[in-house]
Amino acid sequence: MHKSRLKTWAHLALITANTIYGVNYSIAKAVMPDQIKPLALVAVRSVSAAALFWITSLFMPREKVDRKDLIYLFMCSFFGVVINQVLFLVGLNYTSPVNSSIIISTNPIFAFIFAAVILKENITFLKGIGLSIGLSGVLILILQNGTPDISSRTFLGDLYTLINTISWAFYTVIIKRMLEKYNPVTVMKWTFLFGMFTTIPIGYNQLNATDWQAITFNGWLGIGFVIVGATYLGYLLISFGLKRLSPTIVSTYTYLNPVIAAWLASLLGQDHIDLTMIMSAVLIFTGVFVVSWQKKT
């Protein structure tokens, strides 16, 4: 019964995290680049989250991490913090909230591929069909205006978002081993500490050029949401879910993102939903359903 309750809480944590992420598209888009540049926000986000996780750990039982696991966590931070946050925010700065959220909905597909390779899960014919359907939705979205112009901001934004999605899927598979061994806060405090040392040099120039006094009150609220909501709470809730559920199940919850992101972006006038977006979303969701459904059979 205890395990059943924990799994229920894990599902609720994932719903909450992905609701936060769905809202984050519009909020992060609203503060970039006028209030703060994307790479500067990445650095602020990483440093602040690292501080929050380390402060949180002070109120929890002390947990010693093996040296070899610290090396492993350093690798995890590269995929889950550095690549994920840099390419997500830079990509979102170039593309629309709806495009970004739809592309990120392919996360379950890539998570399943990595789980198959790393965890040796079998890829059946139907799973392969599901992967193909989902990826076709991404291609339609990226190629919606014909042959892509590699200098196009939207194309680059979509491409960065896709790479970010692949990196995050890989992270959710490889971090699970650490979450099964240590408390989520312990894992996150080291992951973000390592990530911080990489993102600070990456965002240094934009940090140095930021006019902090020019940031409005609403801008600070938005930055605060990105830090506390989408980073600290988001990563903590995802880690809680990953500790008790499989990476494929955890990643499947990302299909909530475009629903929330599209509704909010339309409400705020940041984007509009067209037929191509709907077709792409249907293909991606169908692919995710086929992969997830087949896994349960």
C-alpha atoms as a PDB file:
ATOM      1  CA  MET A   1       0.000   0.000   0.000  1.00  0.00           C
ATOM      2  CA  HIS A   2       2.895   2.291   0.863  1.00  0.00           C
ATOM      3  CA  LYS A   3       4.505   1.728  -2.552  1.00  0.00           C
ATOM      4  CA  SER A   4       1.160   2.319  -4.247  1.00  0.00           C
ATOM      5  CA  ARG A   5       0.777   5.666  -2.472  1.00  0.00           C
ATOM      6  CA  LEU A   6       4.313   6.671  -3.453  1.00  0.00           C
ATOM      7  CA  LYS A   7       3.578   5.882  -7.102  1.00  0.00           C
ATOM      8  CA  THR A   8       0.386   7.938  -6.926  1.00  0.00           C
ATOM      9  CA  TRP A   9       2.372  10.864  -5.529  1.00  0.00           C
ATOM     10  CA  ALA A  10       4.957  10.330  -8.272  1.00  0.00           C
ATOM     11  CA  HIS A  11       2.252  10.677 -10.943  1.00  0.00           C
ATOM     12  CA  LEU A  12       0.887  13.809  -9.264  1.00  0.00           C
ATOM     13  CA  ALA A  13       4.422  15.235  -9.108  1.00  0.00           C
ATOM     14  CA  LEU A  14       4.823  14.682 -12.858  1.00  0.00           C
ATOM     15  CA  ILE A  15       1.487  16.330 -13.643  1.00  0.00           C
ATOM     16  CA  THR A  16       2.490  19.338 -11.528  1.00  0.00           C
ATOM     17  CA  ALA A  17       5.975  19.563 -13.075  1.00  0.00           C
ATOM     18  CA  ASN A  18       4.696  19.429 -16.632  1.00  0.00           C
ATOM     19  CA  THR A  19       1.988  21.981 -15.874  1.00  0.00           C
ATOM     20  CA  ILE A  20       4.747  24.288 -14.641  1.00  0.00           C
ATOM     21  CA  TYR A  21       6.779  23.588 -17.786  1.00  0.00           C
ATOM     22  CA  GLY A  22       3.757  24.292 -19.975  1.00  0.00           C
ATOM     23  CA  VAL A  23       3.357  27.725 -18.362  1.00  0.00           C
ATOM     24  CA  ASN A  24       7.121  28.317 -18.490  1.00  0.00           C
ATOM     25  CA  TYR A  25       7.203  28.546 -22.310  1.00  0.00           C
ATOM     26  CA  SER A  26       5.203  31.764 -22.336  1.00  0.00           C
ATOM     27  CA  ILE A  27       6.829  33.253 -19.229  1.00  0.00           C
ATOM     28  CA  ALA A  28      10.400  32.557 -20.391  1.00  0.00           C
ATOM     29  CA  LYS A  29       9.501  33.858 -23.860  1.00  0.00           C
ATOM     30  CA  ALA A  30       8.115  37.049 -22.315  1.00  0.00           C
ATOM     31  CA  VAL A  31      11.345  37.901 -20.456  1.00  0.00           C
ATOM     32  CA  MET A  32      13.699  37.083 -23.354  1.00  0.00           C
ATOM     33  CA  PRO A  33      15.460  38.897 -24.896  1.00  0.00           C
ATOM     34  CA  ASP A  34      14.164  42.329 -23.851  1.00  0.00           C
ATOM     35  CA  GLN A  35      14.486  41.827 -20.089  1.00  0.00           C
ATOM     36  CA  ILE A  36      17.376  39.352 -20.076  1.00  0.00           C
ATOM     37  CA  LYS A  37      19.302  37.493 -22.783  1.00  0.00           C
ATOM     38  CA  PRO A  38      18.879  33.698 -22.944  1.00  0.00           C
ATOM     39  CA  LEU A  39      22.453  32.732 -22.001  1.00  0.00           C
ATOM     40  CA  ALA A  40      22.405  35.177 -19.104  1.00  0.00           C
ATOM     41  CA  LEU A  41      19.156  33.597 -17.922  1.00  0.00           C
ATOM     42  CA  VAL A  42      20.741  30.137 -18.196  1.00  0.00           C
ATOM     43  CA  ALA A  43      23.579  31.200 -15.904  1.00  0.00           C
ATOM     44  CA  VAL A  44      21.266  32.900 -13.387  1.00  0.00           C
ATOM     45  CA  ARG A  45      18.957  29.899 -13.488  1.00  0.00           C
ATOM     46  CA  SER A  46      21.749  27.390 -12.805  1.00  0.00           C
ATOM     47  CA  VAL A  47      23.440  29.363 -10.013  1.00  0.00           C
ATOM     48  CA  SER A  48      20.153  30.132  -8.256  1.00  0.00           C
ATOM     49  CA  ALA A  49      18.879  26.552  -8.504  1.00  0.00           C
ATOM     50  CA  ALA A  50      22.191  25.178  -7.213  1.00  0.00           C
ATOM     51  CA  ALA A  51      21.945  27.527  -4.215  1.00  0.00           C
ATOM     52  CA  LEU A  52      18.333  26.501  -3.542  1.00  0.00           C
ATOM     53  CA  PHE A  53      19.137  22.778  -3.673  1.00  0.00           C
ATOM     54  CA  TRP A  54      22.159  23.151  -1.383  1.00  0.00           C
ATOM     55  CA  ILE A  55      20.128  25.208   1.106  1.00  0.00           C
ATOM     56  CA  THR A  56      17.375  22.576   1.006  1.00  0.00           C
ATOM     57  CA  SER A  57      19.927  19.821   1.693  1.00  0.00           C
ATOM     58  CA  LEU A  58      20.884  21.540   4.972  1.00  0.00           C
ATOM     59  CA  PHE A  59      17.450  20.638   6.354  1.00  0.00           C
ATOM     60  CA  MET A  60      17.714  16.970   5.342  1.00  0.00           C
ATOM     61  CA  PRO A  61      19.775  14.022   6.626  1.00  0.00           C
ATOM     62  CA  ARG A  62      23.352  14.282   5.350  1.00  0.00           C
ATOM     63  CA  GLU A  63      24.089  11.860   2.528  1.00  0.00           C
ATOM     64  CA  LYS A  64      27.608  10.997   1.384  1.00  0.00           C
ATOM     65  CA  VAL A  65      28.070  10.492  -2.363  1.00  0.00           C
ATOM     66  CA  ASP A  66      30.728   8.105  -3.669  1.00  0.00           C
ATOM     67  CA  ARG A  67      33.522   9.716  -5.671  1.00  0.00           C
ATOM     68  CA  LYS A  68      32.768   7.604  -8.746  1.00  0.00           C
ATOM     69  CA  ASP A  69      29.134   8.719  -8.527  1.00  0.00           C
ATOM     70  CA  LEU A  70      30.228  12.369  -8.441  1.00  0.00           C
ATOM     71  CA  ILE A  71      31.985  11.798 -11.769  1.00  0.00           C
ATOM     72  CA  TYR A  72      28.807  10.188 -13.089  1.00  0.00           C
ATOM     73  CA  LEU A  73      26.728  13.142 -11.853  1.00  0.00           C
ATOM     74  CA  PHE A  74      29.099  15.520 -13.612  1.00  0.00           C
ATOM     75  CA  MET A  75      28.278  13.736 -16.880  1.00  0.00           C
ATOM     76  CA  CYS A  76      24.558  13.856 -16.065  1.00  0.00           C
ATOM     77  CA  SER A  77      24.776  17.600 -15.444  1.00  0.00           C
ATOM     78  CA  PHE A  78      26.194  18.133 -18.927  1.00  0.00           C
ATOM     79  CA  PHE A  79      23.124  16.592 -20.580  1.00  0.00           C
ATOM     80  CA  GLY A  80      20.427  17.526 -18.041  1.00  0.00           C
ATOM     81  CA  VAL A  81      21.526  21.043 -17.081  1.00  0.00           C
ATOM     82  CA  VAL A  82      24.018  22.493 -19.557  1.00  0.00           C
ATOM     83  CA  ILE A  83      22.759  21.261 -22.944  1.00  0.00           C
ATOM     84  CA  ASN A  84      19.139  21.127 -21.825  1.00  0.00           C
ATOM     85  CA  GLN A  85      18.932  24.641 -20.397  1.00  0.00           C
ATOM     86  CA  VAL A  86      21.153  26.373 -22.949  1.00  0.00           C
ATOM     87  CA  LEU A  87      19.426  24.953 -26.010  1.00  0.00           C
ATOM     88  CA  PHE A  88      15.937  25.199 -24.503  1.00  0.00           C
ATOM     89  CA  LEU A  89      16.179  28.918 -23.740  1.00  0.00           C
ATOM     90  CA  VAL A  90      18.158  29.827 -26.870  1.00  0.00           C
ATOM     91  CA  GLY A  91      15.771  27.754 -28.981  1.00  0.00           C
ATOM     92  CA  LEU A  92      12.705  29.301 -27.330  1.00  0.00           C
ATOM     93  CA  ASN A  93      14.160  32.747 -27.946  1.00  0.00           C
ATOM     94  CA  TYR A  94      14.194  31.982 -31.693  1.00  0.00           C
ATOM     95  CA  THR A  95      11.013  29.971 -32.130  1.00  0.00           C
ATOM     96  CA  SER A  96       7.472  30.153 -30.734  1.00  0.00           C
ATOM     97  CA  PRO A  97       6.186  28.698 -27.446  1.00  0.00           C
ATOM     98  CA  VAL A  98       3.846  26.348 -29.327  1.00  0.00           C
ATOM     99  CA  ASN A  99       6.541  25.065 -31.711  1.00  0.00           C
ATOM    100  CA  SER A 100       8.905  24.513 -28.803  1.00  0.00           C
ATOM    101  CA  SER A 101       6.353  22.646 -26.697  1.00  0.00           C
ATOM    102  CA  ILE A 102       5.256  20.413 -29.581  1.00  0.00           C
ATOM    103  CA  ILE A 103       8.845  19.413 -30.399  1.00  0.00           C
ATOM    104  CA  ILE A 104       9.577  18.678 -26.744  1.00  0.00           C
ATOM    105  CA  SER A 105       6.590  16.310 -26.798  1.00  0.00           C
ATOM    106  CA  THR A 106       8.820  13.880 -28.734  1.00  0.00           C
ATOM    107  CA  ASN A 107      10.719  13.302 -25.486  1.00  0.00           C
ATOM    108  CA  PRO A 108       9.025   9.919 -24.795  1.00  0.00           C
ATOM    109  CA  ILE A 109      10.157   8.649 -28.193  1.00  0.00           C
ATOM    110  CA  PHE A 110      13.808   9.464 -27.581  1.00  0.00           C
ATOM    111  CA  ALA A 111      13.590   8.303 -23.963  1.00  0.00           C
ATOM    112  CA  PHE A 112      12.361   4.950 -25.200  1.00  0.00           C
ATOM    113  CA  ILE A 113      15.209   4.691 -27.736  1.00  0.00           C
ATOM    114  CA  PHE A 114      17.806   5.370 -25.032  1.00  0.00           C
ATOM    115  CA  ALA A 115      16.057   2.985 -22.633  1.00  0.00           C
ATOM    116  CA  ALA A 116      16.209   0.310 -25.328  1.00  0.00           C
ATOM    117  CA  VAL A 117      19.934   0.873 -25.893  1.00  0.00           C
ATOM    118  CA  ILE A 118      20.990   1.412 -22.270  1.00  0.00           C
ATOM    119  CA  LEU A 119      18.415  -0.669 -20.384  1.00  0.00           C
ATOM    120  CA  LYS A 120      18.155  -3.285 -23.154  1.00  0.00           C
ATOM    121  CA  GLU A 121      14.405  -2.935 -23.690  1.00  0.00           C
ATOM    122  CA  ASN A 122      13.137  -4.580 -26.876  1.00  0.00           C
ATOM    123  CA  ILE A 123      12.023  -2.460 -29.847  1.00  0.00           C
ATOM    124  CA  THR A 124       9.122  -4.234 -31.533  1.00  0.00           C
ATOM    125  CA  PHE A 125       7.624  -3.510 -34.936  1.00  0.00           C
ATOM    126  CA  LEU A 126       4.773  -1.470 -33.435  1.00  0.00           C
ATOM    127  CA  LYS A 127       7.189   0.527 -31.311  1.00  0.00           C
ATOM    128  CA  GLY A 128       9.210   1.275 -34.425  1.00  0.00           C
ATOM    129  CA  ILE A 129       6.020   2.459 -36.148  1.00  0.00           C
ATOM    130  CA  GLY A 130       5.276   4.712 -33.178  1.00  0.00           C
ATOM    131  CA  LEU A 131       8.772   6.211 -33.302  1.00  0.00           C
ATOM    132  CA  SER A 132       8.409   6.906 -37.032  1.00  0.00           C
ATOM    133  CA  ILE A 133       4.985   8.543 -36.638  1.00  0.00           C
ATOM    134  CA  GLY A 134       6.200  10.822 -33.851  1.00  0.00           C
ATOM    135  CA  LEU A 135       9.339  11.891 -35.669  1.00  0.00           C
ATOM    136  CA  SER A 136       7.328  12.651 -38.806  1.00  0.00           C
ATOM    137  CA  GLY A 137       5.334  15.159 -36.755  1.00  0.00           C
ATOM    138  CA  VAL A 138       8.538  16.972 -35.799  1.00  0.00           C
ATOM    139  CA  LEU A 139       9.737  17.039 -39.403  1.00  0.00           C
ATOM    140  CA  ILE A 140       6.428  18.513 -40.619  1.00  0.00           C
ATOM    141  CA  LEU A 141       6.699  21.251 -38.007  1.00  0.00           C
ATOM    142  CA  ILE A 142      10.315  22.076 -38.858  1.00  0.00           C
ATOM    143  CA  LEU A 143       9.740  21.877 -42.626  1.00  0.00           C
ATOM    144  CA  GLN A 144       6.371  23.674 -42.590  1.00  0.00           C
ATOM    145  CA  ASN A 145       7.677  26.473 -44.819  1.00  0.00           C
ATOM    146  CA  GLY A 146       9.365  24.185 -47.331  1.00  0.00           C
ATOM    147  CA  THR A 147      13.092  23.583 -47.541  1.00  0.00           C
ATOM    148  CA  PRO A 148      14.487  25.099 -44.350  1.00  0.00           C
ATOM    149  CA  ASP A 149      16.765  28.103 -44.460  1.00  0.00           C
ATOM    150  CA  ILE A 150      19.518  27.287 -41.964  1.00  0.00           C
ATOM    151  CA  SER A 151      19.845  30.992 -41.275  1.00  0.00           C
ATOM    152  CA  SER A 152      16.155  31.238 -40.333  1.00  0.00           C
ATOM    153  CA  ARG A 153      15.666  32.009 -36.651  1.00  0.00           C
ATOM    154  CA  THR A 154      12.604  29.755 -36.418  1.00  0.00           C
ATOM    155  CA  PHE A 155      14.389  26.813 -38.050  1.00  0.00           C
ATOM    156  CA  LEU A 156      17.407  27.224 -35.756  1.00  0.00           C
ATOM    157  CA  GLY A 157      15.116  27.543 -32.757  1.00  0.00           C
ATOM    158  CA  ASP A 158      13.261  24.363 -33.688  1.00  0.00           C
ATOM    159  CA  LEU A 159      16.557  22.534 -34.297  1.00  0.00           C
ATOM    160  CA  TYR A 160      18.032  23.663 -30.963  1.00  0.00           C
ATOM    161  CA  THR A 161      14.834  22.578 -29.227  1.00  0.00           C
ATOM    162  CA  LEU A 162      15.000  19.147 -30.859  1.00  0.00           C
ATOM    163  CA  ILE A 163      18.628  18.643 -29.749  1.00  0.00           C
ATOM    164  CA  ASN A 164      17.642  19.809 -26.264  1.00  0.00           C
ATOM    165  CA  THR A 165      14.827  17.240 -26.242  1.00  0.00           C
ATOM    166  CA  ILE A 166      17.189  14.418 -27.204  1.00  0.00           C
ATOM    167  CA  SER A 167      19.648  15.492 -24.503  1.00  0.00           C
ATOM    168  CA  TRP A 168      16.917  15.638 -21.855  1.00  0.00           C
ATOM    169  CA  ALA A 169      15.640  12.183 -22.833  1.00  0.00           C
ATOM    170  CA  PHE A 170      19.156  10.776 -22.442  1.00  0.00           C
ATOM    171  CA  TYR A 171      19.456  12.510 -19.069  1.00  0.00           C
ATOM    172  CA  THR A 172      16.208  11.005 -17.734  1.00  0.00           C
ATOM    173  CA  VAL A 173      17.495   7.519 -18.536  1.00  0.00           C
ATOM    174  CA  ILE A 174      21.008   7.865 -17.110  1.00  0.00           C
ATOM    175  CA  ILE A 175      20.055   9.852 -13.976  1.00  0.00           C
ATOM    176  CA  LYS A 176      17.618   7.179 -12.777  1.00  0.00           C
ATOM    177  CA  ARG A 177      20.488   5.057 -11.436  1.00  0.00           C
ATOM    178  CA  MET A 178      21.530   7.897  -9.129  1.00  0.00           C
ATOM    179  CA  LEU A 179      17.951   8.591  -8.037  1.00  0.00           C
ATOM    180  CA  GLU A 180      17.531   4.954  -7.027  1.00  0.00           C
ATOM    181  CA  LYS A 181      20.656   5.251  -4.859  1.00  0.00           C
ATOM    182  CA  TYR A 182      20.366   8.760  -3.381  1.00  0.00           C
ATOM    183  CA  ASN A 183      17.746  11.288  -2.319  1.00  0.00           C
ATOM    184  CA  PRO A 184      16.532  13.533  -5.201  1.00  0.00           C
ATOM    185  CA  VAL A 185      17.775  16.671  -3.413  1.00  0.00           C
ATOM    186  CA  THR A 186      21.258  15.156  -3.056  1.00  0.00           C
ATOM    187  CA  VAL A 187      21.320  14.270  -6.743  1.00  0.00           C
ATOM    188  CA  MET A 188      20.075  17.702  -7.812  1.00  0.00           C
ATOM    189  CA  LYS A 189      22.443  19.722  -5.610  1.00  0.00           C
ATOM    190  CA  TRP A 190      25.484  18.041  -7.169  1.00  0.00           C
ATOM    191  CA  THR A 191      24.039  18.050 -10.689  1.00  0.00           C
ATOM    192  CA  PHE A 192      23.382  21.791 -10.576  1.00  0.00           C
ATOM    193  CA  LEU A 193      26.673  22.565  -8.838  1.00  0.00           C
ATOM    194  CA  PHE A 194      28.555  20.913 -11.701  1.00  0.00           C
ATOM    195  CA  GLY A 195      26.262  22.484 -14.287  1.00  0.00           C
ATOM    196  CA  MET A 196      26.781  25.912 -12.762  1.00  0.00           C
ATOM    197  CA  PHE A 197      30.523  25.858 -13.446  1.00  0.00           C
ATOM    198  CA  THR A 198      29.831  25.283 -17.137  1.00  0.00           C
ATOM    199  CA  THR A 199      26.896  27.653 -17.647  1.00  0.00           C
ATOM    200  CA  ILE A 200      28.591  30.649 -15.980  1.00  0.00           C
ATOM    201  CA  PRO A 201      31.367  30.854 -18.642  1.00  0.00           C
ATOM    202  CA  ILE A 202      28.777  30.260 -21.381  1.00  0.00           C
ATOM    203  CA  GLY A 203      26.588  33.118 -20.185  1.00  0.00           C
ATOM    204  CA  TYR A 204      29.349  35.434 -18.946  1.00  0.00           C
ATOM    205  CA  ASN A 205      29.256  37.932 -21.825  1.00  0.00           C
ATOM    206  CA  GLN A 206      25.480  38.300 -21.714  1.00  0.00           C
ATOM    207  CA  LEU A 207      25.531  38.476 -17.912  1.00  0.00           C
ATOM    208  CA  ASN A 208      28.110  41.237 -18.068  1.00  0.00           C
ATOM    209  CA  ALA A 209      26.020  43.164 -20.619  1.00  0.00           C
ATOM    210  CA  THR A 210      22.746  42.865 -18.683  1.00  0.00           C
ATOM    211  CA  ASP A 211      21.282  46.109 -17.361  1.00  0.00           C
ATOM    212  CA  TRP A 212      19.832  44.742 -14.115  1.00  0.00           C
ATOM    213  CA  GLN A 213      18.244  48.060 -13.135  1.00  0.00           C
ATOM    214  CA  ALA A 214      16.296  48.141 -16.397  1.00  0.00           C
ATOM    215  CA  ILE A 215      14.497  44.871 -15.616  1.00  0.00           C
ATOM    216  CA  THR A 216      10.880  45.616 -14.722  1.00  0.00           C
ATOM    217  CA  PHE A 217       8.951  44.240 -11.765  1.00  0.00           C
ATOM    218  CA  ASN A 218       7.090  41.842 -14.083  1.00  0.00           C
ATOM    219  CA  GLY A 219      10.433  40.863 -15.577  1.00  0.00           C
ATOM    220  CA  TRP A 220      11.768  39.893 -12.149  1.00  0.00           C
ATOM    221  CA  LEU A 221       8.581  37.932 -11.470  1.00  0.00           C
ATOM    222  CA  GLY A 222       9.094  36.047 -14.730  1.00  0.00           C
ATOM    223  CA  ILE A 223      12.752  35.337 -13.968  1.00  0.00           C
ATOM    224  CA  GLY A 224      11.739  34.219 -10.478  1.00  0.00           C
ATOM    225  CA  PHE A 225       9.206  31.789 -11.929  1.00  0.00           C
ATOM    226  CA  VAL A 226      11.821  30.325 -14.290  1.00  0.00           C
ATOM    227  CA  ILE A 227      14.217  29.822 -11.362  1.00  0.00           C
ATOM    228  CA  VAL A 228      11.916  28.650  -8.579  1.00  0.00           C
ATOM    229  CA  GLY A 229       9.122  27.073 -10.614  1.00  0.00           C
ATOM    230  CA  ALA A 230      10.571  25.667 -13.817  1.00  0.00           C
ATOM    231  CA  THR A 231      14.009  24.848 -12.394  1.00  0.00           C
ATOM    232  CA  TYR A 232      13.995  24.175  -8.649  1.00  0.00           C
ATOM    233  CA  LEU A 233      10.482  22.714  -8.327  1.00  0.00           C
ATOM    234  CA  GLY A 234      10.393  21.287 -11.852  1.00  0.00           C
ATOM    235  CA  TYR A 235      13.629  19.308 -11.553  1.00  0.00           C
ATOM    236  CA  LEU A 236      12.778  18.204  -8.012  1.00  0.00           C
ATOM    237  CA  LEU A 237       9.330  16.921  -9.011  1.00  0.00           C
ATOM    238  CA  ILE A 238      10.682  15.164 -12.112  1.00  0.00           C
ATOM    239  CA  SER A 239      13.392  13.538  -9.971  1.00  0.00           C
ATOM    240  CA  PHE A 240      10.750  12.382  -7.487  1.00  0.00           C
ATOM    241  CA  GLY A 241       8.816  10.804 -10.364  1.00  0.00           C
ATOM    242  CA  LEU A 242      11.907   9.215 -11.907  1.00  0.00           C
ATOM    243  CA  LYS A 243      12.848   7.635  -8.577  1.00  0.00           C
ATOM    244  CA  ARG A 244       9.637   5.589  -8.620  1.00  0.00           C
ATOM    245  CA  LEU A 245       8.612   5.293 -12.281  1.00  0.00           C
ATOM    246  CA  SER A 246      10.333   4.345 -15.535  1.00  0.00           C
ATOM    247  CA  PRO A 247      11.889   7.038 -17.761  1.00  0.00           C
ATOM    248  CA  THR A 248       9.405   6.231 -20.540  1.00  0.00           C
ATOM    249  CA  ILE A 249       6.402   6.765 -18.263  1.00  0.00           C
ATOM    250  CA  VAL A 250       7.923   9.941 -16.849  1.00  0.00           C
ATOM    251  CA  SER A 251       8.650  11.357 -20.298  1.00  0.00           C
ATOM    252  CA  THR A 252       5.139  10.525 -21.547  1.00  0.00           C
ATOM    253  CA  TYR A 253       3.777  13.264 -19.296  1.00  0.00           C
ATOM    254  CA  THR A 254       5.436  15.866 -21.527  1.00  0.00           C
ATOM    255  CA  TYR A 255       2.409  15.661 -23.831  1.00  0.00           C
ATOM    256  CA  LEU A 256       0.748  18.039 -21.345  1.00  0.00           C
ATOM    257  CA  ASN A 257       3.213  20.782 -22.312  1.00  0.00           C
ATOM    258  CA  PRO A 258       1.844  21.805 -25.731  1.00  0.00           C
ATOM    259  CA  VAL A 259      -1.755  21.790 -24.508  1.00  0.00           C
ATOM    260  CA  ILE A 260      -0.962  24.256 -21.730  1.00  0.00           C
ATOM    261  CA  ALA A 261       1.631  26.197 -23.747  1.00  0.00           C
ATOM    262  CA  ALA A 262      -0.650  26.621 -26.771  1.00  0.00           C
ATOM    263  CA  TRP A 263      -3.575  27.784 -24.653  1.00  0.00           C
ATOM    264  CA  LEU A 264      -1.476  30.307 -22.716  1.00  0.00           C
ATOM    265  CA  ALA A 265       0.456  31.553 -25.770  1.00  0.00           C
ATOM    266  CA  SER A 266      -2.802  32.170 -27.634  1.00  0.00           C
ATOM    267  CA  LEU A 267      -4.265  33.896 -24.582  1.00  0.00           C
ATOM    268  CA  LEU A 268      -1.232  36.209 -24.329  1.00  0.00           C
ATOM    269  CA  GLY A 269      -1.105  36.837 -28.078  1.00  0.00           C
ATOM    270  CA  GLN A 270       2.401  35.325 -28.369  1.00  0.00           C
ATOM    271  CA  ASP A 271       1.379  32.787 -30.987  1.00  0.00           C
ATOM    272  CA  HIS A 272      -1.534  31.392 -32.956  1.00  0.00           C
ATOM    273  CA  ILE A 273      -2.419  27.771 -33.619  1.00  0.00           C
ATOM    274  CA  ASP A 274      -2.559  26.769 -37.279  1.00  0.00           C
ATOM    275  CA  LEU A 275      -3.327  23.547 -39.179  1.00  0.00           C
ATOM    276  CA  THR A 276       0.355  22.545 -39.452  1.00  0.00           C
ATOM    277  CA  MET A 277       0.772  22.759 -35.683  1.00  0.00           C
ATOM    278  CA  ILE A 278      -2.352  20.676 -35.137  1.00  0.00           C
ATOM    279  CA  MET A 279      -1.218  18.019 -37.657  1.00  0.00           C
ATOM    280  CA  SER A 280       2.234  17.882 -36.062  1.00  0.00           C
ATOM    281  CA  ALA A 281       0.785  17.576 -32.575  1.00  0.00           C
ATOM    282  CA  VAL A 282      -1.598  14.778 -33.634  1.00  0.00           C
ATOM    283  CA  LEU A 283       1.257  12.801 -35.232  1.00  0.00           C
ATOM    284  CA  ILE A 284       3.522  13.271 -32.216  1.00  0.00           C
ATOM    285  CA  PHE A 285       0.814  12.314 -29.714  1.00  0.00           C
ATOM    286  CA  THR A 286      -0.105   9.284 -31.835  1.00  0.00           C
ATOM    287  CA  GLY A 287       3.528   8.192 -31.901  1.00  0.00           C
ATOM    288  CA  VAL A 288       3.844   8.644 -28.141  1.00  0.00           C
ATOM    289  CA  PHE A 289       0.646   6.663 -27.568  1.00  0.00           C
ATOM    290  CA  VAL A 290       1.791   3.762 -29.750  1.00  0.00           C
ATOM    291  CA  VAL A 291       5.200   3.572 -28.060  1.00  0.00           C
ATOM    292  CA  SER A 292       3.750   3.835 -24.535  1.00  0.00           C
ATOM    293  CA  TRP A 293       0.839   1.478 -25.194  1.00  0.00           C
ATOM    294  CA  GLN A 294       3.076  -1.182 -26.682  1.00  0.00           C
ATOM    295  CA  LYS A 295       5.392  -0.957 -23.683  1.00  0.00           C
ATOM    296  CA  LYS A 296       2.556  -1.957 -21.378  1.00  0.00           C
ATOM    297  CA  THR A 297       1.578  -5.036 -23.387  1.00  0.00           C
END
